Every structure is written in structure tokens, then in C-alpha cells.
Amino acid sequence: MNQPERWISHGACDSVLLSAIVCAELAVYVPGLGFYSDDWPYLAAFSLSPDQTIPALFRAVYEPWVWMRPAQQLHFVVLYRLFGTDPVGYHVMNGLVLLGGVLLLHRVLLRVGLPRLPSVAVPLVFALLPHYSTDRFWMIASGIPLSLFLYLVSVYSDLRALRVAGTRYAAWRTLGLVSLLISALTYE
């Protein structure tokens, strides 16, 4: 018996399901979040900087104890330029980065040959377990999901490069190397 032709793949269906669940979770808590603890010194440095350009804001927060994280500092600067002192924008962006990581983890697991059920279950558990909550609620920790997202971009790119040749191989490998480097410079 022939299977009916699918107009949407299982992977796409799974991505929609994962996206819906993560977005529903984000919709519950993001509107009530604010800034916390170590977020305030960053916001103070940004708002008190006489020069509001990206390079000047970067210099305002790039202190010796964060020299190993220049990409994270740049991430904060860009978020400040986009959202100022409105915490919702920061948390929405952090949620989108988390969602991107969940979707990339799903794709990586499929690409390495895991069956469909664990390829959906593992990212879903990762997305919903509360032990990861600090990185969702604390702006200063938003570099962690960003670093993970970039690392997963690197892994996915390297897996894609294994199956192509020529310029496509070079493009996937370059993306993998660049995202790995930025991931390492985001959070040690």
C-alpha cells in the first residue's frame, strides 16, 4: 500500500510543535520579567555613557574580568541599543535564542541519526526543565544560551559539510568555524 504524499516533512512538523511549546512557555513568563542583580551595573554604564555609539558602549563595559567574553559584551551592547531599559525586549530576544537552540538541537540529533521521538524529546526536555531557568530570567546570563546556539550552529554546519563538496563544503565549514569561535568568545 502506497503512503500518501506528505506536503510537509516530519522534521518540519516537529519544529512547529517545538516552536509552539517553547513560545507558549515564553508567553507565560516573559511579560512579568525585569532586570536583576548584575544587570543593573551594565544598564548604569550604558545609560551614563556620554557617547551612545556601539564602540563607546562596548568600551564602557569591557572590563578585565570579562575580557574572555567580548562577544557577550557586544551582545549586551546591541540589546541595549535595541531596547534601552525596557526588559521585555531583552527577554524576548533571549527566548528567541533559546528557541533557536532548541530547534538546532532537534536538527543536529536528526542529522546524527537519532530516531524521531528522542530527537523531539531531548530538545523539549532541555527547553522545559527548570534547572536552566537562570539563563532565561537574568539578562547577564543571556550569553549562555547565545553561546550554546552558536555552538549548535557550528555542529550543524560541520554535519552538513560532511555531505557536500566544493564551495558548499567551504561555506558550511566556514560557517561552522566562525560560529564556534564566536561561541567560545561569548561564554567560556
Protein backbone atom coordinates (compact mmCIF):
# COMPACT_ATOMS: atom_id res chain seq x y z
CA MET A 1 0.00 0.00 0.00
CA ASN A 2 1.42 3.37 -1.01
CA GLN A 3 1.86 6.07 1.59
CA PRO A 4 0.09 9.35 0.78
CA GLU A 5 2.41 12.09 -0.34
CA ARG A 6 3.30 14.44 2.53
CA TRP A 7 3.30 18.14 1.78
CA ILE A 8 5.24 18.82 4.99
CA SER A 9 8.04 16.69 6.43
CA HIS A 10 8.10 15.10 9.86
CA GLY A 11 11.04 17.34 10.74
CA ALA A 12 9.07 20.46 9.86
CA CYS A 13 6.06 19.24 11.87
CA ASP A 14 8.32 18.54 14.83
CA SER A 15 9.89 22.00 14.53
CA VAL A 16 6.44 23.62 14.54
CA LEU A 17 5.47 21.59 17.62
CA LEU A 18 8.68 22.50 19.47
CA SER A 19 8.26 26.16 18.50
CA ALA A 20 4.66 26.25 19.70
CA ILE A 21 5.53 24.70 23.06
CA VAL A 22 8.54 26.95 23.69
CA CYS A 23 6.63 30.07 22.59
CA ALA A 24 3.70 29.15 24.84
CA GLU A 25 6.10 28.80 27.76
CA LEU A 26 7.75 32.14 26.92
CA ALA A 27 4.35 33.85 26.70
CA VAL A 28 3.63 32.80 30.28
CA TYR A 29 6.68 34.31 31.95
CA VAL A 30 8.34 36.91 29.69
CA PRO A 31 5.82 39.74 30.25
CA GLY A 32 6.46 39.68 34.01
CA LEU A 33 10.25 39.69 33.91
CA GLY A 34 12.51 42.61 34.70
CA PHE A 35 16.17 43.25 35.36
CA TYR A 36 18.00 41.61 38.22
CA SER A 37 21.21 41.72 40.25
CA ASP A 38 24.22 42.13 37.94
CA ASP A 39 22.07 43.52 35.12
CA TRP A 40 21.91 46.94 36.80
CA PRO A 41 25.63 47.84 36.61
CA TYR A 42 25.54 47.19 32.87
CA LEU A 43 22.46 49.33 32.39
CA ALA A 44 24.02 52.08 34.52
CA ALA A 45 27.25 52.01 32.48
CA PHE A 46 25.27 52.13 29.25
CA SER A 47 22.90 54.91 30.28
CA LEU A 48 25.68 57.04 31.82
CA SER A 49 27.97 56.75 28.82
CA PRO A 50 28.20 60.19 27.18
CA ASP A 51 28.75 58.51 23.82
CA GLN A 52 25.93 56.14 22.89
CA THR A 53 27.65 54.57 19.88
CA ILE A 54 28.21 50.82 19.87
CA PRO A 55 32.02 51.09 20.22
CA ALA A 56 31.70 53.53 23.16
CA LEU A 57 29.10 51.39 24.93
CA PHE A 58 31.32 48.35 24.40
CA ARG A 59 34.27 50.17 25.98
CA ALA A 60 32.05 51.21 28.91
CA VAL A 61 31.50 47.57 29.96
CA TYR A 62 34.59 45.79 28.66
CA GLU A 63 36.44 45.39 31.96
CA PRO A 64 39.31 42.98 32.81
CA TRP A 65 37.02 40.41 34.44
CA VAL A 66 35.09 39.96 31.18
CA TRP A 67 37.94 40.11 28.66
CA MET A 68 37.36 36.45 27.85
CA ARG A 69 33.78 37.26 26.73
CA PRO A 70 33.92 40.04 24.14
CA ALA A 71 31.04 38.60 22.10
CA GLN A 72 28.83 38.54 25.20
CA GLN A 73 29.63 42.18 25.92
CA LEU A 74 28.84 43.10 22.31
CA HIS A 75 25.58 41.14 22.64
CA PHE A 76 24.60 43.27 25.67
CA VAL A 77 25.50 46.47 23.83
CA VAL A 78 23.35 45.54 20.84
CA LEU A 79 20.44 44.61 23.11
CA TYR A 80 20.77 47.95 24.91
CA ARG A 81 20.82 49.83 21.60
CA LEU A 82 17.68 47.96 20.51
CA PHE A 83 15.69 48.03 23.74
CA GLY A 84 17.21 50.59 26.10
CA THR A 85 15.89 49.99 29.59
CA ASP A 86 12.79 48.00 28.57
CA PRO A 87 13.35 44.47 29.93
CA VAL A 88 10.73 42.78 27.75
CA GLY A 89 12.78 43.18 24.57
CA TYR A 90 15.82 41.59 26.20
CA HIS A 91 13.78 38.63 27.40
CA VAL A 92 12.01 38.16 24.06
CA MET A 93 15.37 38.09 22.29
CA ASN A 94 16.75 35.66 24.86
CA GLY A 95 13.67 33.49 24.34
CA LEU A 96 14.17 33.53 20.58
CA VAL A 97 17.81 32.49 21.04
CA LEU A 98 16.64 29.67 23.33
CA LEU A 99 14.09 28.62 20.71
CA GLY A 100 16.77 28.68 18.01
CA GLY A 101 18.94 26.43 20.18
CA VAL A 102 16.08 24.00 20.74
CA LEU A 103 15.36 23.82 17.00
CA LEU A 104 19.03 23.40 16.14
CA LEU A 105 19.44 20.66 18.75
CA HIS A 106 16.50 18.87 17.13
CA ARG A 107 18.11 19.15 13.69
CA VAL A 108 21.53 18.01 14.96
CA LEU A 109 20.01 14.96 16.63
CA LEU A 110 18.17 14.05 13.44
CA ARG A 111 21.31 14.57 11.36
CA VAL A 112 23.38 12.24 13.57
CA GLY A 113 20.75 9.55 13.06
CA LEU A 114 18.67 9.55 16.24
CA PRO A 115 15.10 8.37 15.74
CA ARG A 116 12.34 10.94 15.58
CA LEU A 117 10.98 10.52 19.14
CA PRO A 118 14.26 11.15 21.00
CA SER A 119 15.12 13.89 18.51
CA VAL A 120 11.99 15.72 19.68
CA ALA A 121 12.01 14.66 23.34
CA VAL A 122 15.57 15.71 24.17
CA PRO A 123 15.20 19.33 22.94
CA LEU A 124 11.78 19.54 24.57
CA VAL A 125 13.12 18.39 27.94
CA PHE A 126 16.03 20.81 27.57
CA ALA A 127 13.61 23.66 26.82
CA LEU A 128 11.23 22.99 29.69
CA LEU A 129 13.34 21.84 32.65
CA PRO A 130 13.55 24.49 35.37
CA HIS A 131 17.23 23.88 36.16
CA TYR A 132 18.03 26.08 33.19
CA SER A 133 15.85 28.96 34.39
CA THR A 134 18.56 31.44 35.44
CA ASP A 135 19.62 31.80 31.82
CA ARG A 136 16.06 32.67 30.89
CA PHE A 137 15.40 35.29 33.55
CA TRP A 138 18.70 37.03 34.05
CA MET A 139 19.91 39.30 31.27
CA ILE A 140 23.53 38.99 32.33
CA ALA A 141 23.32 35.21 31.80
CA SER A 142 21.79 35.50 28.32
CA GLY A 143 25.24 34.90 26.87
CA ILE A 144 24.94 31.25 27.87
CA PRO A 145 22.03 30.38 25.56
CA LEU A 146 23.64 32.52 22.84
CA SER A 147 26.91 30.58 23.19
CA LEU A 148 25.02 27.29 23.06
CA PHE A 149 23.07 28.42 19.99
CA LEU A 150 26.29 29.39 18.20
CA TYR A 151 27.90 26.09 19.16
CA LEU A 152 24.93 24.19 17.72
CA VAL A 153 25.21 26.26 14.53
CA SER A 154 28.82 25.07 14.37
CA VAL A 155 27.91 21.41 14.91
CA TYR A 156 25.07 21.55 12.39
CA SER A 157 27.31 23.27 9.82
CA ASP A 158 30.03 20.67 10.26
CA LEU A 159 27.50 17.87 9.86
CA ARG A 160 26.17 19.48 6.67
CA ALA A 161 29.73 19.91 5.34
CA LEU A 162 30.26 16.16 5.58
CA ARG A 163 27.78 15.56 2.74
CA VAL A 164 28.74 18.23 0.22
CA ALA A 165 31.80 19.21 -1.78
CA GLY A 166 33.36 22.25 -3.38
CA THR A 167 32.17 25.72 -2.50
CA ARG A 168 29.23 24.39 -0.48
CA TYR A 169 31.70 22.44 1.66
CA ALA A 170 33.83 25.55 2.16
CA ALA A 171 30.76 27.64 3.03
CA TRP A 172 29.47 25.15 5.63
CA ARG A 173 32.95 24.72 7.14
CA THR A 174 33.50 28.48 7.30
CA LEU A 175 30.14 28.99 8.99
CA GLY A 176 31.00 26.19 11.43
CA LEU A 177 34.39 27.63 12.31
CA VAL A 178 33.19 31.22 12.65
CA SER A 179 30.22 30.27 14.83
CA LEU A 180 32.45 28.06 17.00
CA LEU A 181 34.90 30.92 17.50
CA ILE A 182 32.13 33.39 18.39
CA SER A 183 30.57 30.82 20.72
CA ALA A 184 33.87 30.48 22.57
CA LEU A 185 34.16 34.28 22.81
CA THR A 186 30.61 34.57 24.14
CA TYR A 187 30.90 32.40 27.20
CA GLU A 188 33.83 30.37 28.37
